[in-house]
């Protein structure tokens, strides 16, 4: 059985036992969380698609780790104007382990 969940403005296909890297969520390492925005549930012959969410469906998970993605360098330059700007950004993330899918 698998589910498509929406979190952090992105959609992810998950199964029980998957480790997923998503946008940062508040919480401690080891804390149980529930993802309520389930867009689709499938498995075997049946597929249930929500309009827009599947009613009563949720995905249970636990927080495994917090961290920062690799640095993204933003470099701007204007030719012949002596203008240079260098900025970097590191987006925070949360690793979660999916423990179950409930319909």
C-alpha atoms as a PDB file:
ATOM      1  CA  UNK A   1       0.000   0.000   0.000  1.00  0.00           C
ATOM      2  CA  UNK A   2       1.243   3.487  -0.830  1.00  0.00           C
ATOM      3  CA  UNK A   3       0.019   7.042  -0.394  1.00  0.00           C
ATOM      4  CA  UNK A   4       0.707  10.413  -1.971  1.00  0.00           C
ATOM      5  CA  UNK A   5       1.050  13.105   0.696  1.00  0.00           C
ATOM      6  CA  UNK A   6       1.478  16.847   0.430  1.00  0.00           C
ATOM      7  CA  UNK A   7       3.937  18.540   2.778  1.00  0.00           C
ATOM      8  CA  UNK A   8       6.107  21.613   2.426  1.00  0.00           C
ATOM      9  CA  UNK A   9       4.456  22.546  -0.874  1.00  0.00           C
ATOM     10  CA  UNK A  10       5.582  19.284  -2.494  1.00  0.00           C
ATOM     11  CA  UNK A  11       3.993  15.900  -3.111  1.00  0.00           C
ATOM     12  CA  UNK A  12       5.675  12.644  -2.101  1.00  0.00           C
ATOM     13  CA  UNK A  13       4.782   9.004  -2.738  1.00  0.00           C
ATOM     14  CA  UNK A  14       5.389   7.025   0.464  1.00  0.00           C
ATOM     15  CA  UNK A  15       5.126   3.460   1.762  1.00  0.00           C
ATOM     16  CA  UNK A  16       5.465   2.096   5.285  1.00  0.00           C
ATOM     17  CA  UNK A  17       9.153   1.995   6.230  1.00  0.00           C
ATOM     18  CA  UNK A  18      10.277   4.711   3.786  1.00  0.00           C
ATOM     19  CA  UNK A  19      12.666   7.417   4.992  1.00  0.00           C
ATOM     20  CA  UNK A  20      11.747  10.748   3.446  1.00  0.00           C
ATOM     21  CA  UNK A  21      13.583  14.099   3.380  1.00  0.00           C
ATOM     22  CA  UNK A  22      11.071  16.952   3.516  1.00  0.00           C
ATOM     23  CA  UNK A  23      10.936  20.647   4.381  1.00  0.00           C
ATOM     24  CA  UNK A  24      11.622  21.381   8.053  1.00  0.00           C
ATOM     25  CA  UNK A  25       8.954  20.360  10.572  1.00  0.00           C
ATOM     26  CA  UNK A  26       8.840  21.396  14.208  1.00  0.00           C
ATOM     27  CA  UNK A  27       9.489  18.601  16.691  1.00  0.00           C
ATOM     28  CA  UNK A  28      12.103  16.563  18.499  1.00  0.00           C
ATOM     29  CA  UNK A  29      13.990  13.582  17.082  1.00  0.00           C
ATOM     30  CA  UNK A  30      11.957  10.455  17.824  1.00  0.00           C
ATOM     31  CA  UNK A  31       8.654  12.329  18.077  1.00  0.00           C
ATOM     32  CA  UNK A  32       5.606  10.827  16.346  1.00  0.00           C
ATOM     33  CA  UNK A  33       3.862  13.018  13.748  1.00  0.00           C
ATOM     34  CA  UNK A  34       0.803  12.646  11.546  1.00  0.00           C
ATOM     35  CA  UNK A  35       0.467  13.898   7.966  1.00  0.00           C
ATOM     36  CA  UNK A  36      -3.206  14.652   7.255  1.00  0.00           C
ATOM     37  CA  UNK A  37      -2.933  15.977   3.686  1.00  0.00           C
ATOM     38  CA  UNK A  38      -3.271  12.659   1.825  1.00  0.00           C
ATOM     39  CA  UNK A  39      -4.041  13.157  -1.881  1.00  0.00           C
ATOM     40  CA  UNK A  40      -4.211   9.524  -3.003  1.00  0.00           C
ATOM     41  CA  UNK A  41      -4.043   5.994  -1.601  1.00  0.00           C
ATOM     42  CA  UNK A  42      -3.256   2.989  -3.767  1.00  0.00           C
ATOM     43  CA  UNK A  43      -2.378  -0.620  -3.416  1.00  0.00           C
ATOM     44  CA  UNK A  44      -3.152  -3.715  -5.437  1.00  0.00           C
ATOM     45  CA  UNK A  45      -6.153  -3.210  -7.701  1.00  0.00           C
ATOM     46  CA  UNK A  46      -7.785  -0.314  -5.849  1.00  0.00           C
ATOM     47  CA  UNK A  47      -6.840   3.339  -6.021  1.00  0.00           C
ATOM     48  CA  UNK A  48      -8.618   6.003  -3.990  1.00  0.00           C
ATOM     49  CA  UNK A  49      -8.141   9.575  -5.227  1.00  0.00           C
ATOM     50  CA  UNK A  50      -9.232  12.491  -3.052  1.00  0.00           C
ATOM     51  CA  UNK A  51     -11.029  15.626  -4.159  1.00  0.00           C
ATOM     52  CA  UNK A  52      -8.677  17.246  -3.104  1.00  0.00           C
ATOM     53  CA  UNK A  53      -7.915  15.133   0.022  1.00  0.00           C
ATOM     54  CA  UNK A  54      -8.897  11.564   0.870  1.00  0.00           C
ATOM     55  CA  UNK A  55     -11.397  11.821   3.727  1.00  0.00           C
ATOM     56  CA  UNK A  56     -10.243  10.197   6.969  1.00  0.00           C
ATOM     57  CA  UNK A  57      -6.829   9.157   5.622  1.00  0.00           C
ATOM     58  CA  UNK A  58      -3.576   9.925   7.419  1.00  0.00           C
ATOM     59  CA  UNK A  59       0.048   8.867   7.366  1.00  0.00           C
ATOM     60  CA  UNK A  60       1.839   8.173  10.650  1.00  0.00           C
ATOM     61  CA  UNK A  61       5.577   8.899  10.815  1.00  0.00           C
ATOM     62  CA  UNK A  62       8.380   9.643  13.244  1.00  0.00           C
ATOM     63  CA  UNK A  63      11.124  12.248  13.042  1.00  0.00           C
ATOM     64  CA  UNK A  64      14.540  10.688  12.418  1.00  0.00           C
ATOM     65  CA  UNK A  65      16.846  13.689  11.947  1.00  0.00           C
ATOM     66  CA  UNK A  66      17.101  17.432  11.275  1.00  0.00           C
ATOM     67  CA  UNK A  67      19.739  19.061   9.091  1.00  0.00           C
ATOM     68  CA  UNK A  68      20.642  21.477   6.318  1.00  0.00           C
ATOM     69  CA  UNK A  69      20.746  20.857   2.567  1.00  0.00           C
ATOM     70  CA  UNK A  70      23.886  21.636   0.554  1.00  0.00           C
ATOM     71  CA  UNK A  71      24.639  25.318   0.076  1.00  0.00           C
ATOM     72  CA  UNK A  72      23.131  26.966  -2.986  1.00  0.00           C
ATOM     73  CA  UNK A  73      25.289  29.779  -4.360  1.00  0.00           C
ATOM     74  CA  UNK A  74      23.518  32.794  -5.881  1.00  0.00           C
ATOM     75  CA  UNK A  75      25.936  34.937  -7.913  1.00  0.00           C
ATOM     76  CA  UNK A  76      24.804  38.092  -9.695  1.00  0.00           C
ATOM     77  CA  UNK A  77      26.981  40.141 -12.005  1.00  0.00           C
ATOM     78  CA  UNK A  78      26.449  43.068 -14.380  1.00  0.00           C
ATOM     79  CA  UNK A  79      28.971  43.370 -17.160  1.00  0.00           C
ATOM     80  CA  UNK A  80      30.974  46.588 -17.411  1.00  0.00           C
ATOM     81  CA  UNK A  81      29.393  48.008 -14.210  1.00  0.00           C
ATOM     82  CA  UNK A  82      31.715  46.590 -11.506  1.00  0.00           C
ATOM     83  CA  UNK A  83      28.691  44.989  -9.839  1.00  0.00           C
ATOM     84  CA  UNK A  84      29.058  41.597  -8.187  1.00  0.00           C
ATOM     85  CA  UNK A  85      26.896  40.050  -5.496  1.00  0.00           C
ATOM     86  CA  UNK A  86      27.490  36.640  -3.908  1.00  0.00           C
ATOM     87  CA  UNK A  87      24.941  35.055  -1.594  1.00  0.00           C
ATOM     88  CA  UNK A  88      24.555  31.561  -0.213  1.00  0.00           C
ATOM     89  CA  UNK A  89      21.551  29.733   1.219  1.00  0.00           C
ATOM     90  CA  UNK A  90      21.121  26.453   3.108  1.00  0.00           C
ATOM     91  CA  UNK A  91      17.557  25.175   3.402  1.00  0.00           C
ATOM     92  CA  UNK A  92      16.693  23.236   6.589  1.00  0.00           C
ATOM     93  CA  UNK A  93      15.148  19.771   6.252  1.00  0.00           C
ATOM     94  CA  UNK A  94      13.658  16.992   8.359  1.00  0.00           C
ATOM     95  CA  UNK A  95      14.096  13.264   7.754  1.00  0.00           C
ATOM     96  CA  UNK A  96      11.015  11.223   8.659  1.00  0.00           C
ATOM     97  CA  UNK A  97      10.343   7.472   8.689  1.00  0.00           C
ATOM     98  CA  UNK A  98       6.825   6.453   7.636  1.00  0.00           C
ATOM     99  CA  UNK A  99       5.422   3.967  10.162  1.00  0.00           C
ATOM    100  CA  UNK A 100       1.937   3.390   8.754  1.00  0.00           C
ATOM    101  CA  UNK A 101      -0.852   4.473   6.430  1.00  0.00           C
ATOM    102  CA  UNK A 102      -4.406   4.635   7.805  1.00  0.00           C
ATOM    103  CA  UNK A 103      -7.530   4.872   5.661  1.00  0.00           C
END
